[in-house]
Amino acid sequence: MLELQNLSVTRGSFTLAADLAIEPGARVAVIGASGSGKSTLLSLIAGFLVPDRGRILWEGRDITATPPGKRPVSVLFQDQNLFPHLTAAQNVGLGLRPDLRLSSPQRVRVGQVLEEVGLAGMEDRKPADLSGGQQGRVALARVLLRARPVLLLDEPFAALGPALKAEMLDLLARIAEETGATVLMVSHDPGDARRFAPQTILIEDGRAQPPQPTGPLLDDPPPGLRAYLG
């Protein structure tokens, strides 16, 4: 279980607070108005931001002071962080070793995860030679290879068209189900939340609310969320 206990961070005039728990294997959307603190919440969990107070626990262990690289967390951003001069296989291999000095079994595993995300035979292609959806699959393959139990996604598919985005959301759901990962996904699109996440964290008035069922929340949103969704 991922727990945020009496958590609070202030940056200038902005404050975000959270006191909530997320069950293992949950798929959770994070929604709220622009500037509400969605990315801030992910940064706190990932360790890129240090809270002013409170604790972050994973499976009962306090990870509040744990460096980002040693947390049980992988992060996928909107730009997907692919290196243009590296091949698909090399970009994925970074998930195992930043120096890319992979052993033979590790190289085999890279090929396996590329096949799992539908990119068999594309190992030697560079990002410029891949479509947007294929680039997203490379980024997901790298996350899959890292095999961390918590996956944080900050609008990773926002630049894709509706069909490709739906395809990537379904792929992500399959990966989450197969690996048992706990997934938090920031999105501005309520359709993404409905498709992928049975639960949703609403961030409003400086507070990340505990997860609640996605459908009822979006069917009858509170006034602030209703104004944001239009």
C-alpha atoms as a PDB file:
ATOM      1  CA  MET A   1       0.000   0.000   0.000  1.00  0.00           C
ATOM      2  CA  LEU A   2       1.143   3.536  -0.803  1.00  0.00           C
ATOM      3  CA  GLU A   3       0.340   5.961   2.018  1.00  0.00           C
ATOM      4  CA  LEU A   4       0.652   9.738   2.167  1.00  0.00           C
ATOM      5  CA  GLN A   5       0.307  10.625   5.826  1.00  0.00           C
ATOM      6  CA  ASN A   6      -0.460  14.243   6.730  1.00  0.00           C
ATOM      7  CA  LEU A   7       1.687  15.345   3.783  1.00  0.00           C
ATOM      8  CA  SER A   8       2.153  19.019   2.944  1.00  0.00           C
ATOM      9  CA  VAL A   9       4.453  21.083   0.748  1.00  0.00           C
ATOM     10  CA  THR A  10       4.498  24.840   0.150  1.00  0.00           C
ATOM     11  CA  ARG A  11       6.179  26.616  -2.745  1.00  0.00           C
ATOM     12  CA  GLY A  12       5.663  30.378  -2.652  1.00  0.00           C
ATOM     13  CA  SER A  13       1.938  31.030  -2.362  1.00  0.00           C
ATOM     14  CA  PHE A  14       1.039  27.458  -3.392  1.00  0.00           C
ATOM     15  CA  THR A  15       0.379  24.684  -0.876  1.00  0.00           C
ATOM     16  CA  LEU A  16      -0.582  21.070  -1.540  1.00  0.00           C
ATOM     17  CA  ALA A  17      -1.752  18.749   1.217  1.00  0.00           C
ATOM     18  CA  ALA A  18      -2.583  15.040   1.090  1.00  0.00           C
ATOM     19  CA  ASP A  19      -3.645  12.403   3.576  1.00  0.00           C
ATOM     20  CA  LEU A  20      -4.629   9.282   1.680  1.00  0.00           C
ATOM     21  CA  ALA A  21      -3.850   5.647   0.900  1.00  0.00           C
ATOM     22  CA  ILE A  22      -3.726   3.739  -2.379  1.00  0.00           C
ATOM     23  CA  GLU A  23      -4.221  -0.012  -2.443  1.00  0.00           C
ATOM     24  CA  PRO A  24      -1.595  -2.237  -4.122  1.00  0.00           C
ATOM     25  CA  GLY A  25      -2.309  -2.793  -7.799  1.00  0.00           C
ATOM     26  CA  ALA A  26      -4.779   0.096  -8.003  1.00  0.00           C
ATOM     27  CA  ARG A  27      -5.128   2.100 -11.209  1.00  0.00           C
ATOM     28  CA  VAL A  28      -5.791   5.701 -10.209  1.00  0.00           C
ATOM     29  CA  ALA A  29      -6.292   8.841 -12.277  1.00  0.00           C
ATOM     30  CA  VAL A  30      -5.198  12.209 -10.888  1.00  0.00           C
ATOM     31  CA  ILE A  31      -7.338  15.100 -12.100  1.00  0.00           C
ATOM     32  CA  GLY A  32      -7.831  18.740 -11.242  1.00  0.00           C
ATOM     33  CA  ALA A  33      -7.655  22.203 -12.736  1.00  0.00           C
ATOM     34  CA  SER A  34      -4.439  23.476 -14.311  1.00  0.00           C
ATOM     35  CA  GLY A  35      -2.008  24.480 -11.585  1.00  0.00           C
ATOM     36  CA  SER A  36      -3.891  22.558  -8.900  1.00  0.00           C
ATOM     37  CA  GLY A  37      -0.882  20.409  -8.017  1.00  0.00           C
ATOM     38  CA  LYS A  38      -1.213  17.209 -10.040  1.00  0.00           C
ATOM     39  CA  SER A  39       2.442  17.105 -11.095  1.00  0.00           C
ATOM     40  CA  THR A  40       3.458  18.248  -7.612  1.00  0.00           C
ATOM     41  CA  LEU A  41       1.755  15.196  -6.125  1.00  0.00           C
ATOM     42  CA  LEU A  42       3.684  12.874  -8.444  1.00  0.00           C
ATOM     43  CA  SER A  43       6.943  14.696  -7.706  1.00  0.00           C
ATOM     44  CA  LEU A  44       6.431  14.183  -3.971  1.00  0.00           C
ATOM     45  CA  ILE A  45       5.836  10.455  -4.431  1.00  0.00           C
ATOM     46  CA  ALA A  46       8.804  10.135  -6.792  1.00  0.00           C
ATOM     47  CA  GLY A  47      11.101  12.047  -4.435  1.00  0.00           C
ATOM     48  CA  PHE A  48      11.792  15.006  -6.714  1.00  0.00           C
ATOM     49  CA  LEU A  49      10.174  17.255  -4.084  1.00  0.00           C
ATOM     50  CA  VAL A  50      10.676  17.037  -0.331  1.00  0.00           C
ATOM     51  CA  PRO A  51       7.552  17.618   1.784  1.00  0.00           C
ATOM     52  CA  ASP A  52       7.567  20.239   4.514  1.00  0.00           C
ATOM     53  CA  ARG A  53       5.772  17.814   6.778  1.00  0.00           C
ATOM     54  CA  GLY A  54       4.262  14.337   6.769  1.00  0.00           C
ATOM     55  CA  ARG A  55       5.434  10.943   5.577  1.00  0.00           C
ATOM     56  CA  ILE A  56       5.309   8.750   2.473  1.00  0.00           C
ATOM     57  CA  LEU A  57       5.104   5.019   3.158  1.00  0.00           C
ATOM     58  CA  TRP A  58       5.328   2.063   0.818  1.00  0.00           C
ATOM     59  CA  GLU A  59       4.282  -1.287   2.299  1.00  0.00           C
ATOM     60  CA  GLY A  60       4.657   0.239   5.747  1.00  0.00           C
ATOM     61  CA  ARG A  61       8.214   1.461   5.123  1.00  0.00           C
ATOM     62  CA  ASP A  62       8.927   5.179   5.397  1.00  0.00           C
ATOM     63  CA  ILE A  63      10.461   6.339   2.096  1.00  0.00           C
ATOM     64  CA  THR A  64      10.091  10.080   2.711  1.00  0.00           C
ATOM     65  CA  ALA A  65      13.861  10.610   2.793  1.00  0.00           C
ATOM     66  CA  THR A  66      14.737   7.915   0.227  1.00  0.00           C
ATOM     67  CA  PRO A  67      16.454   9.314  -2.909  1.00  0.00           C
ATOM     68  CA  PRO A  68      14.401   9.117  -6.125  1.00  0.00           C
ATOM     69  CA  GLY A  69      16.564   6.423  -7.706  1.00  0.00           C
ATOM     70  CA  LYS A  70      16.119   4.116  -4.732  1.00  0.00           C
ATOM     71  CA  ARG A  71      12.361   4.435  -4.427  1.00  0.00           C
ATOM     72  CA  PRO A  72      10.081   1.650  -5.708  1.00  0.00           C
ATOM     73  CA  VAL A  73       8.899   4.070  -8.398  1.00  0.00           C
ATOM     74  CA  SER A  74       9.188   4.566 -12.149  1.00  0.00           C
ATOM     75  CA  VAL A  75       8.047   7.796 -13.810  1.00  0.00           C
ATOM     76  CA  LEU A  76       6.864   8.334 -17.383  1.00  0.00           C
ATOM     77  CA  PHE A  77       6.570  11.942 -18.516  1.00  0.00           C
ATOM     78  CA  GLN A  78       4.761  13.425 -21.498  1.00  0.00           C
ATOM     79  CA  ASP A  79       7.986  13.814 -23.485  1.00  0.00           C
ATOM     80  CA  GLN A  80       8.843  10.171 -22.678  1.00  0.00           C
ATOM     81  CA  ASN A  81      12.556  10.992 -22.238  1.00  0.00           C
ATOM     82  CA  LEU A  82      13.785   9.081 -25.282  1.00  0.00           C
ATOM     83  CA  PHE A  83      17.318   9.835 -26.456  1.00  0.00           C
ATOM     84  CA  PRO A  84      17.263  10.582 -30.204  1.00  0.00           C
ATOM     85  CA  HIS A  85      20.769   9.212 -30.863  1.00  0.00           C
ATOM     86  CA  LEU A  86      19.982   5.828 -29.287  1.00  0.00           C
ATOM     87  CA  THR A  87      18.072   2.922 -30.805  1.00  0.00           C
ATOM     88  CA  ALA A  88      14.829   1.600 -29.372  1.00  0.00           C
ATOM     89  CA  ALA A  89      16.716  -1.252 -27.716  1.00  0.00           C
ATOM     90  CA  GLN A  90      19.287   1.116 -26.223  1.00  0.00           C
ATOM     91  CA  ASN A  91      16.612   3.479 -24.914  1.00  0.00           C
ATOM     92  CA  VAL A  92      14.925   0.518 -23.239  1.00  0.00           C
ATOM     93  CA  GLY A  93      18.230  -0.834 -21.947  1.00  0.00           C
ATOM     94  CA  LEU A  94      18.765   2.369 -19.983  1.00  0.00           C
ATOM     95  CA  GLY A  95      16.154   1.017 -17.603  1.00  0.00           C
ATOM     96  CA  LEU A  96      18.668  -1.617 -16.538  1.00  0.00           C
ATOM     97  CA  ARG A  97      22.016   0.164 -16.818  1.00  0.00           C
ATOM     98  CA  PRO A  98      22.641   3.844 -17.594  1.00  0.00           C
ATOM     99  CA  ASP A  99      26.014   2.899 -19.142  1.00  0.00           C
ATOM    100  CA  LEU A 100      24.290   0.329 -21.428  1.00  0.00           C
ATOM    101  CA  ARG A 101      26.904  -2.320 -20.597  1.00  0.00           C
ATOM    102  CA  LEU A 102      24.312  -5.054 -20.680  1.00  0.00           C
ATOM    103  CA  SER A 103      25.008  -8.718 -20.163  1.00  0.00           C
ATOM    104  CA  SER A 104      23.772 -11.233 -22.698  1.00  0.00           C
ATOM    105  CA  PRO A 105      20.742 -12.190 -20.538  1.00  0.00           C
ATOM    106  CA  GLN A 106      19.915  -8.498 -20.111  1.00  0.00           C
ATOM    107  CA  ARG A 107      19.987  -7.941 -23.878  1.00  0.00           C
ATOM    108  CA  VAL A 108      17.668 -10.897 -24.291  1.00  0.00           C
ATOM    109  CA  ARG A 109      15.304  -9.372 -21.743  1.00  0.00           C
ATOM    110  CA  VAL A 110      15.328  -6.048 -23.638  1.00  0.00           C
ATOM    111  CA  GLY A 111      14.224  -7.912 -26.757  1.00  0.00           C
ATOM    112  CA  GLN A 112      11.505  -9.682 -24.793  1.00  0.00           C
ATOM    113  CA  VAL A 113       9.951  -6.508 -23.407  1.00  0.00           C
ATOM    114  CA  LEU A 114      10.029  -4.847 -26.828  1.00  0.00           C
ATOM    115  CA  GLU A 115       8.145  -7.859 -28.143  1.00  0.00           C
ATOM    116  CA  GLU A 116       5.684  -7.623 -25.240  1.00  0.00           C
ATOM    117  CA  VAL A 117       4.763  -4.058 -26.248  1.00  0.00           C
ATOM    118  CA  GLY A 118       4.469  -4.941 -29.936  1.00  0.00           C
ATOM    119  CA  LEU A 119       7.836  -3.689 -31.204  1.00  0.00           C
ATOM    120  CA  ALA A 120       9.520  -6.926 -32.224  1.00  0.00           C
ATOM    121  CA  GLY A 121      11.905  -6.281 -35.121  1.00  0.00           C
ATOM    122  CA  MET A 122      12.221  -2.569 -34.345  1.00  0.00           C
ATOM    123  CA  GLU A 123      15.119  -2.846 -31.906  1.00  0.00           C
ATOM    124  CA  ASP A 124      17.539  -0.916 -34.127  1.00  0.00           C
ATOM    125  CA  ARG A 125      15.229   1.962 -35.026  1.00  0.00           C
ATOM    126  CA  LYS A 126      15.850   5.393 -33.551  1.00  0.00           C
ATOM    127  CA  PRO A 127      13.000   7.541 -32.203  1.00  0.00           C
ATOM    128  CA  ALA A 128      12.843   9.648 -35.369  1.00  0.00           C
ATOM    129  CA  ASP A 129      12.063   6.479 -37.324  1.00  0.00           C
ATOM    130  CA  LEU A 130       9.160   5.550 -35.055  1.00  0.00           C
ATOM    131  CA  SER A 131       5.608   6.853 -34.916  1.00  0.00           C
ATOM    132  CA  GLY A 132       4.329   8.661 -31.829  1.00  0.00           C
ATOM    133  CA  GLY A 133       2.583   5.522 -30.650  1.00  0.00           C
ATOM    134  CA  GLN A 134       5.700   3.433 -31.186  1.00  0.00           C
ATOM    135  CA  GLN A 135       7.782   5.945 -29.230  1.00  0.00           C
ATOM    136  CA  GLY A 136       5.280   5.647 -26.392  1.00  0.00           C
ATOM    137  CA  ARG A 137       5.669   1.868 -26.509  1.00  0.00           C
ATOM    138  CA  VAL A 138       9.449   2.215 -26.196  1.00  0.00           C
ATOM    139  CA  ALA A 139       8.990   4.369 -23.108  1.00  0.00           C
ATOM    140  CA  LEU A 140       6.547   1.848 -21.640  1.00  0.00           C
ATOM    141  CA  ALA A 141       8.967  -0.989 -22.389  1.00  0.00           C
ATOM    142  CA  ARG A 142      11.685   0.777 -20.410  1.00  0.00           C
ATOM    143  CA  VAL A 143       9.307   1.195 -17.481  1.00  0.00           C
ATOM    144  CA  LEU A 144       8.300  -2.464 -17.745  1.00  0.00           C
ATOM    145  CA  LEU A 145      11.930  -3.523 -17.728  1.00  0.00           C
ATOM    146  CA  ARG A 146      12.605  -1.621 -14.509  1.00  0.00           C
ATOM    147  CA  ALA A 147       9.872  -3.660 -12.824  1.00  0.00           C
ATOM    148  CA  ARG A 148       9.182  -1.110 -10.080  1.00  0.00           C
ATOM    149  CA  PRO A 149       5.928  -1.673  -8.171  1.00  0.00           C
ATOM    150  CA  VAL A 150       4.724   1.947  -8.456  1.00  0.00           C
ATOM    151  CA  LEU A 151       4.303   3.657 -11.827  1.00  0.00           C
ATOM    152  CA  LEU A 152       3.673   7.398 -12.088  1.00  0.00           C
ATOM    153  CA  LEU A 153       2.566   8.887 -15.410  1.00  0.00           C
ATOM    154  CA  ASP A 154       2.329  12.620 -16.065  1.00  0.00           C
ATOM    155  CA  GLU A 155       0.096  12.975 -19.138  1.00  0.00           C
ATOM    156  CA  PRO A 156       2.262  10.567 -21.152  1.00  0.00           C
ATOM    157  CA  PHE A 157      -0.128  10.279 -24.099  1.00  0.00           C
ATOM    158  CA  ALA A 158      -1.494  13.835 -24.292  1.00  0.00           C
ATOM    159  CA  ALA A 159       0.125  14.493 -27.678  1.00  0.00           C
ATOM    160  CA  LEU A 160      -1.432  11.428 -29.329  1.00  0.00           C
ATOM    161  CA  GLY A 161      -4.631  11.350 -31.343  1.00  0.00           C
ATOM    162  CA  PRO A 162      -7.734   9.681 -29.857  1.00  0.00           C
ATOM    163  CA  ALA A 163      -7.233   6.251 -31.466  1.00  0.00           C
ATOM    164  CA  LEU A 164      -3.549   5.994 -30.567  1.00  0.00           C
ATOM    165  CA  LYS A 165      -4.178   7.278 -27.059  1.00  0.00           C
ATOM    166  CA  ALA A 166      -6.878   4.675 -26.493  1.00  0.00           C
ATOM    167  CA  GLU A 167      -4.496   1.990 -27.755  1.00  0.00           C
ATOM    168  CA  MET A 168      -1.765   3.125 -25.362  1.00  0.00           C
ATOM    169  CA  LEU A 169      -4.149   3.301 -22.397  1.00  0.00           C
ATOM    170  CA  ASP A 170      -5.293  -0.252 -23.076  1.00  0.00           C
ATOM    171  CA  LEU A 171      -1.674  -1.415 -23.356  1.00  0.00           C
ATOM    172  CA  LEU A 172      -0.843   0.313 -20.082  1.00  0.00           C
ATOM    173  CA  ALA A 173      -3.819  -1.333 -18.388  1.00  0.00           C
ATOM    174  CA  ARG A 174      -2.688  -4.746 -19.629  1.00  0.00           C
ATOM    175  CA  ILE A 175       0.855  -4.156 -18.362  1.00  0.00           C
ATOM    176  CA  ALA A 176      -0.444  -2.974 -14.984  1.00  0.00           C
ATOM    177  CA  GLU A 177      -2.667  -6.030 -14.648  1.00  0.00           C
ATOM    178  CA  GLU A 178       0.114  -8.446 -15.621  1.00  0.00           C
ATOM    179  CA  THR A 179       2.709  -6.887 -13.306  1.00  0.00           C
ATOM    180  CA  GLY A 180       0.434  -5.925 -10.420  1.00  0.00           C
ATOM    181  CA  ALA A 181       1.853  -2.391 -10.470  1.00  0.00           C
ATOM    182  CA  THR A 182       0.188   0.462  -8.629  1.00  0.00           C
ATOM    183  CA  VAL A 183      -0.409   3.176 -11.234  1.00  0.00           C
ATOM    184  CA  LEU A 184      -1.145   6.888 -10.812  1.00  0.00           C
ATOM    185  CA  MET A 185      -1.824   8.750 -14.051  1.00  0.00           C
ATOM    186  CA  VAL A 186      -2.259  12.509 -14.367  1.00  0.00           C
ATOM    187  CA  SER A 187      -4.681  13.458 -17.110  1.00  0.00           C
ATOM    188  CA  HIS A 188      -6.697  16.483 -18.219  1.00  0.00           C
ATOM    189  CA  ASP A 189      -9.049  14.226 -20.188  1.00  0.00           C
ATOM    190  CA  PRO A 190     -11.927  12.676 -18.222  1.00  0.00           C
ATOM    191  CA  GLY A 191     -12.261  10.100 -20.987  1.00  0.00           C
ATOM    192  CA  ASP A 192      -8.770   8.803 -20.130  1.00  0.00           C
ATOM    193  CA  ALA A 193      -9.766   8.429 -16.496  1.00  0.00           C
ATOM    194  CA  ARG A 194     -12.933   6.547 -17.392  1.00  0.00           C
ATOM    195  CA  ARG A 195     -11.093   4.217 -19.758  1.00  0.00           C
ATOM    196  CA  PHE A 196      -8.106   3.402 -17.565  1.00  0.00           C
ATOM    197  CA  ALA A 197      -8.717   4.159 -13.897  1.00  0.00           C
ATOM    198  CA  PRO A 198     -11.457   2.693 -11.688  1.00  0.00           C
ATOM    199  CA  GLN A 199     -10.455   5.251  -9.042  1.00  0.00           C
ATOM    200  CA  THR A 200      -9.603   8.947  -9.212  1.00  0.00           C
ATOM    201  CA  ILE A 201      -7.780  11.381  -6.934  1.00  0.00           C
ATOM    202  CA  LEU A 202      -9.291  14.853  -7.260  1.00  0.00           C
ATOM    203  CA  ILE A 203      -6.979  17.762  -6.429  1.00  0.00           C
ATOM    204  CA  GLU A 204      -8.944  20.837  -5.484  1.00  0.00           C
ATOM    205  CA  ASP A 205      -8.431  23.812  -3.159  1.00  0.00           C
ATOM    206  CA  GLY A 206      -4.876  22.768  -2.352  1.00  0.00           C
ATOM    207  CA  ARG A 207      -5.743  19.238  -1.263  1.00  0.00           C
ATOM    208  CA  ALA A 208      -5.399  15.830  -2.909  1.00  0.00           C
ATOM    209  CA  GLN A 209      -8.524  13.970  -1.893  1.00  0.00           C
ATOM    210  CA  PRO A 210      -8.524  10.211  -1.189  1.00  0.00           C
ATOM    211  CA  PRO A 211      -9.258   7.994  -4.201  1.00  0.00           C
ATOM    212  CA  GLN A 212     -12.923   7.661  -5.090  1.00  0.00           C
ATOM    213  CA  PRO A 213     -14.786   5.767  -7.825  1.00  0.00           C
ATOM    214  CA  THR A 214     -14.150   7.433 -11.172  1.00  0.00           C
ATOM    215  CA  GLY A 215     -17.567   7.037 -12.759  1.00  0.00           C
ATOM    216  CA  PRO A 216     -19.676   8.634 -10.010  1.00  0.00           C
ATOM    217  CA  LEU A 217     -17.149  11.451  -9.555  1.00  0.00           C
ATOM    218  CA  LEU A 218     -17.221  12.391 -13.241  1.00  0.00           C
ATOM    219  CA  ASP A 219     -20.965  11.830 -13.581  1.00  0.00           C
ATOM    220  CA  ASP A 220     -21.676  14.302 -10.782  1.00  0.00           C
ATOM    221  CA  PRO A 221     -18.521  16.405 -10.264  1.00  0.00           C
ATOM    222  CA  PRO A 222     -18.221  19.010  -7.510  1.00  0.00           C
ATOM    223  CA  PRO A 223     -18.563  22.650  -8.664  1.00  0.00           C
ATOM    224  CA  GLY A 224     -14.839  23.312  -9.085  1.00  0.00           C
ATOM    225  CA  LEU A 225     -14.278  20.210 -11.197  1.00  0.00           C
ATOM    226  CA  ARG A 226     -17.470  20.835 -13.146  1.00  0.00           C
ATOM    227  CA  ALA A 227     -16.269  24.339 -14.060  1.00  0.00           C
ATOM    228  CA  TYR A 228     -12.899  22.942 -15.128  1.00  0.00           C
ATOM    229  CA  LEU A 229     -14.367  20.149 -17.254  1.00  0.00           C
ATOM    230  CA  GLY A 230     -16.873  22.534 -18.850  1.00  0.00           C
END
